[in-house]
């Protein structure tokens, strides 16, 4: 398993929509890159002034990430992205 360090977060991107609201099926080239991801694992937090500041999300949260943020990694056939807490824009509730 991948365990992120400091304030890094391991996410798995959600699949993009394949059909528009009006029923038009999109090819993979015309789909927008998804920005909603599921948090798979989180690091312990960043050390600030000798104290560890915990990460603001937890495993299982759905989040909106900056487009093209983070580092893509493939582990055991699954694609993940490792990004910093600063690359998160919002938590989807």
N, C-alpha and C. Protein backbone atom coordinates (compact mmCIF):
# COMPACT_ATOMS: atom_id res chain seq x y z
N UNK A 1 0.84 -1.19 0.00
CA UNK A 1 0.00 0.00 0.00
C UNK A 1 0.88 1.24 0.00
N UNK A 2 0.39 2.29 -0.58
CA UNK A 2 1.10 3.57 -0.63
C UNK A 2 0.68 4.41 0.56
N UNK A 3 1.63 4.90 1.33
CA UNK A 3 1.36 5.76 2.48
C UNK A 3 2.01 7.12 2.22
N UNK A 4 1.20 8.16 1.96
CA UNK A 4 1.75 9.49 1.69
C UNK A 4 2.49 10.07 2.90
N UNK A 5 3.44 10.94 2.63
CA UNK A 5 4.20 11.62 3.67
C UNK A 5 3.67 13.04 3.87
N UNK A 6 3.92 13.59 5.04
CA UNK A 6 3.55 14.96 5.40
C UNK A 6 2.10 15.27 5.05
N UNK A 7 1.87 16.37 4.30
CA UNK A 7 0.50 16.80 3.98
C UNK A 7 0.05 16.31 2.60
N UNK A 8 0.66 15.22 2.15
CA UNK A 8 0.28 14.67 0.85
C UNK A 8 -0.93 13.74 0.99
N UNK A 9 -1.68 13.65 -0.10
CA UNK A 9 -2.92 12.87 -0.11
C UNK A 9 -2.92 11.99 -1.35
N UNK A 10 -3.27 10.72 -1.17
CA UNK A 10 -3.39 9.78 -2.28
C UNK A 10 -4.85 9.71 -2.68
N UNK A 11 -5.15 10.02 -3.95
CA UNK A 11 -6.53 10.01 -4.43
C UNK A 11 -6.66 9.15 -5.67
N UNK A 12 -7.88 8.70 -5.91
CA UNK A 12 -8.21 7.98 -7.14
C UNK A 12 -9.30 8.79 -7.82
N UNK A 13 -9.06 9.18 -9.06
CA UNK A 13 -10.00 10.01 -9.79
C UNK A 13 -11.26 9.23 -10.09
N UNK A 14 -12.40 9.92 -10.00
CA UNK A 14 -13.69 9.32 -10.37
C UNK A 14 -13.79 9.36 -11.90
N UNK A 15 -14.52 8.43 -12.47
CA UNK A 15 -14.71 8.39 -13.92
C UNK A 15 -15.54 9.58 -14.37
N UNK A 16 -15.21 10.15 -15.52
CA UNK A 16 -15.96 11.26 -16.08
C UNK A 16 -17.28 10.78 -16.66
N UNK A 17 -18.19 11.71 -16.88
CA UNK A 17 -19.49 11.38 -17.48
C UNK A 17 -19.28 10.91 -18.91
N UNK A 18 -19.98 9.86 -19.31
CA UNK A 18 -19.91 9.37 -20.67
C UNK A 18 -21.11 9.80 -21.51
N UNK A 19 -22.16 10.28 -20.84
CA UNK A 19 -23.37 10.72 -21.53
C UNK A 19 -23.77 12.08 -20.97
N UNK A 20 -24.12 13.01 -21.87
CA UNK A 20 -24.56 14.32 -21.41
C UNK A 20 -25.98 14.22 -20.87
N UNK A 21 -26.46 15.29 -20.23
CA UNK A 21 -27.82 15.30 -19.69
C UNK A 21 -28.87 15.12 -20.77
N UNK A 22 -28.56 15.56 -21.98
CA UNK A 22 -29.52 15.41 -23.09
C UNK A 22 -29.40 14.06 -23.78
N UNK A 23 -28.51 13.19 -23.32
CA UNK A 23 -28.41 11.84 -23.85
C UNK A 23 -27.34 11.64 -24.91
N UNK A 24 -26.52 12.64 -25.17
CA UNK A 24 -25.45 12.51 -26.17
C UNK A 24 -24.29 11.74 -25.55
N UNK A 25 -23.85 10.68 -26.23
CA UNK A 25 -22.74 9.88 -25.73
C UNK A 25 -21.43 10.53 -26.18
N UNK A 26 -20.52 10.72 -25.22
CA UNK A 26 -19.26 11.37 -25.51
C UNK A 26 -18.16 10.33 -25.73
N UNK A 27 -17.28 10.60 -26.69
CA UNK A 27 -16.12 9.75 -26.88
C UNK A 27 -15.09 10.12 -25.82
N UNK A 28 -14.12 9.27 -25.61
CA UNK A 28 -13.12 9.55 -24.56
C UNK A 28 -12.33 10.82 -24.86
N UNK A 29 -12.16 11.18 -26.13
CA UNK A 29 -11.42 12.40 -26.48
C UNK A 29 -12.19 13.67 -26.16
N UNK A 30 -13.52 13.62 -26.17
CA UNK A 30 -14.31 14.83 -25.94
C UNK A 30 -14.72 15.00 -24.48
N UNK A 31 -14.39 14.05 -23.63
CA UNK A 31 -14.74 14.16 -22.22
C UNK A 31 -13.77 15.10 -21.52
N UNK A 32 -14.30 15.88 -20.58
CA UNK A 32 -13.43 16.72 -19.77
C UNK A 32 -12.71 15.87 -18.75
N UNK A 33 -11.53 16.29 -18.37
CA UNK A 33 -10.80 15.58 -17.34
C UNK A 33 -11.57 15.72 -16.03
N UNK A 34 -11.86 14.62 -15.33
CA UNK A 34 -12.63 14.72 -14.08
C UNK A 34 -11.82 15.46 -13.02
N UNK A 35 -12.53 16.16 -12.14
CA UNK A 35 -11.86 16.88 -11.07
C UNK A 35 -12.30 16.36 -9.71
N UNK A 36 -13.21 15.40 -9.67
CA UNK A 36 -13.65 14.84 -8.40
C UNK A 36 -12.91 13.53 -8.18
N UNK A 37 -12.36 13.40 -6.98
CA UNK A 37 -11.57 12.22 -6.64
C UNK A 37 -11.96 11.70 -5.26
N UNK A 38 -11.67 10.43 -5.04
CA UNK A 38 -11.90 9.84 -3.72
C UNK A 38 -10.57 9.74 -2.99
N UNK A 39 -10.55 10.15 -1.74
CA UNK A 39 -9.34 10.08 -0.93
C UNK A 39 -9.12 8.62 -0.54
N UNK A 40 -7.95 8.08 -0.90
CA UNK A 40 -7.62 6.69 -0.60
C UNK A 40 -6.78 6.60 0.67
N UNK A 41 -5.86 7.54 0.85
CA UNK A 41 -4.98 7.54 2.01
C UNK A 41 -4.47 8.95 2.24
N UNK A 42 -4.18 9.30 3.49
CA UNK A 42 -3.65 10.63 3.80
C UNK A 42 -2.39 10.51 4.64
N UNK A 43 -1.52 11.49 4.49
CA UNK A 43 -0.32 11.55 5.31
C UNK A 43 -0.66 12.07 6.70
N UNK A 44 0.31 12.03 7.61
CA UNK A 44 0.06 12.45 8.98
C UNK A 44 -0.15 13.96 9.16
N UNK A 45 0.35 14.75 8.24
CA UNK A 45 0.24 16.20 8.34
C UNK A 45 1.61 16.84 8.24
N UNK A 46 1.61 18.15 8.13
CA UNK A 46 2.85 18.91 7.97
C UNK A 46 3.28 19.48 9.31
N UNK A 47 4.58 19.44 9.56
CA UNK A 47 5.12 19.97 10.80
C UNK A 47 5.28 21.48 10.67
N UNK A 48 4.58 22.22 11.55
CA UNK A 48 4.66 23.68 11.56
C UNK A 48 4.96 24.11 12.99
N UNK A 49 6.05 24.85 13.17
CA UNK A 49 6.48 25.31 14.50
C UNK A 49 6.57 24.17 15.51
N UNK A 50 7.08 23.02 15.07
CA UNK A 50 7.27 21.90 15.97
C UNK A 50 6.03 21.06 16.24
N UNK A 51 4.88 21.47 15.72
CA UNK A 51 3.64 20.71 15.90
C UNK A 51 3.17 20.18 14.55
N UNK A 52 2.57 19.01 14.56
CA UNK A 52 2.04 18.45 13.31
C UNK A 52 0.62 18.96 13.09
N UNK A 53 0.43 19.65 11.97
CA UNK A 53 -0.88 20.16 11.57
C UNK A 53 -1.55 19.07 10.73
N UNK A 54 -2.62 18.45 11.23
CA UNK A 54 -3.23 17.33 10.51
C UNK A 54 -3.86 17.75 9.18
N UNK A 55 -3.99 16.78 8.29
CA UNK A 55 -4.61 17.01 6.98
C UNK A 55 -6.11 17.19 7.19
N UNK A 56 -6.73 18.05 6.38
CA UNK A 56 -8.14 18.42 6.58
C UNK A 56 -9.14 17.42 6.01
N UNK A 57 -8.68 16.37 5.34
CA UNK A 57 -9.59 15.36 4.79
C UNK A 57 -9.26 14.00 5.37
N UNK A 58 -10.19 13.05 5.19
CA UNK A 58 -9.95 11.69 5.70
C UNK A 58 -10.22 10.69 4.58
N UNK A 59 -9.78 9.49 4.80
CA UNK A 59 -9.98 8.41 3.86
C UNK A 59 -11.47 8.26 3.56
N UNK A 60 -11.81 8.15 2.27
CA UNK A 60 -13.20 7.98 1.86
C UNK A 60 -13.89 9.28 1.44
N UNK A 61 -13.32 10.44 1.77
CA UNK A 61 -13.91 11.71 1.36
C UNK A 61 -13.82 11.86 -0.15
N UNK A 62 -14.82 12.54 -0.72
CA UNK A 62 -14.77 12.94 -2.13
C UNK A 62 -14.34 14.40 -2.17
N UNK A 63 -13.37 14.70 -3.01
CA UNK A 63 -12.81 16.05 -3.06
C UNK A 63 -12.73 16.54 -4.50
N UNK A 64 -12.67 17.86 -4.65
CA UNK A 64 -12.42 18.47 -5.95
C UNK A 64 -10.97 18.92 -5.95
N UNK A 65 -10.23 18.49 -6.97
CA UNK A 65 -8.80 18.81 -7.05
C UNK A 65 -8.54 19.76 -8.20
N UNK A 66 -7.45 20.49 -8.13
CA UNK A 66 -7.03 21.37 -9.22
C UNK A 66 -6.75 20.52 -10.45
N UNK A 67 -7.14 21.04 -11.62
CA UNK A 67 -6.85 20.31 -12.86
C UNK A 67 -5.34 20.16 -13.01
N UNK A 68 -4.93 18.99 -13.40
CA UNK A 68 -3.53 18.67 -13.70
C UNK A 68 -2.61 18.81 -12.48
N UNK A 69 -3.16 18.73 -11.27
CA UNK A 69 -2.35 18.84 -10.06
C UNK A 69 -1.80 17.47 -9.68
N UNK A 70 -0.74 17.47 -8.92
CA UNK A 70 -0.21 16.25 -8.35
C UNK A 70 0.66 15.43 -9.29
N UNK A 71 1.04 14.26 -8.79
CA UNK A 71 1.88 13.33 -9.52
C UNK A 71 1.12 12.03 -9.73
N UNK A 72 1.00 11.61 -10.98
CA UNK A 72 0.30 10.37 -11.27
C UNK A 72 1.22 9.18 -11.02
N UNK A 73 0.68 8.16 -10.34
CA UNK A 73 1.43 6.93 -10.09
C UNK A 73 0.53 5.74 -10.38
N UNK A 74 1.14 4.65 -10.81
CA UNK A 74 0.40 3.42 -11.05
C UNK A 74 0.95 2.38 -10.08
N UNK A 75 0.06 1.79 -9.29
CA UNK A 75 0.47 0.81 -8.28
C UNK A 75 -0.48 -0.39 -8.37
N UNK A 76 0.08 -1.55 -8.60
CA UNK A 76 -0.68 -2.78 -8.73
C UNK A 76 -1.82 -2.65 -9.75
N UNK A 77 -1.52 -1.99 -10.86
CA UNK A 77 -2.48 -1.86 -11.95
C UNK A 77 -3.53 -0.77 -11.79
N UNK A 78 -3.49 -0.02 -10.69
CA UNK A 78 -4.47 1.04 -10.44
C UNK A 78 -3.75 2.39 -10.51
N UNK A 79 -4.41 3.36 -11.17
CA UNK A 79 -3.82 4.70 -11.28
C UNK A 79 -4.30 5.60 -10.15
N UNK A 80 -3.34 6.24 -9.49
CA UNK A 80 -3.60 7.16 -8.39
C UNK A 80 -2.92 8.48 -8.69
N UNK A 81 -3.27 9.48 -7.89
CA UNK A 81 -2.57 10.77 -7.92
C UNK A 81 -2.17 11.11 -6.50
N UNK A 82 -0.92 11.51 -6.32
CA UNK A 82 -0.45 12.00 -5.02
C UNK A 82 -0.35 13.52 -5.14
N UNK A 83 -1.05 14.21 -4.25
CA UNK A 83 -1.01 15.67 -4.29
C UNK A 83 -0.93 16.25 -2.88
N UNK A 84 -0.59 17.50 -2.82
CA UNK A 84 -0.51 18.19 -1.54
C UNK A 84 -1.89 18.70 -1.15
N UNK A 85 -2.08 18.93 0.12
CA UNK A 85 -3.33 19.45 0.62
C UNK A 85 -3.72 20.76 -0.08
N UNK A 86 -2.73 21.57 -0.45
CA UNK A 86 -2.98 22.85 -1.12
C UNK A 86 -3.64 22.68 -2.49
N UNK A 87 -3.52 21.48 -3.10
CA UNK A 87 -4.11 21.23 -4.41
C UNK A 87 -5.60 20.86 -4.32
N UNK A 88 -6.11 20.70 -3.11
CA UNK A 88 -7.53 20.42 -2.91
C UNK A 88 -8.30 21.72 -2.94
N UNK A 89 -9.42 21.74 -3.65
CA UNK A 89 -10.24 22.95 -3.74
C UNK A 89 -11.46 22.89 -2.83
N UNK A 90 -12.04 21.69 -2.65
CA UNK A 90 -13.25 21.56 -1.84
C UNK A 90 -13.50 20.10 -1.49
N UNK A 91 -14.33 19.90 -0.47
CA UNK A 91 -14.81 18.57 -0.11
C UNK A 91 -16.25 18.47 -0.62
N UNK A 92 -16.56 17.39 -1.32
CA UNK A 92 -17.91 17.18 -1.84
C UNK A 92 -18.72 16.42 -0.78
N UNK A 93 -19.83 17.02 -0.34
CA UNK A 93 -20.65 16.37 0.69
C UNK A 93 -21.94 15.85 0.11
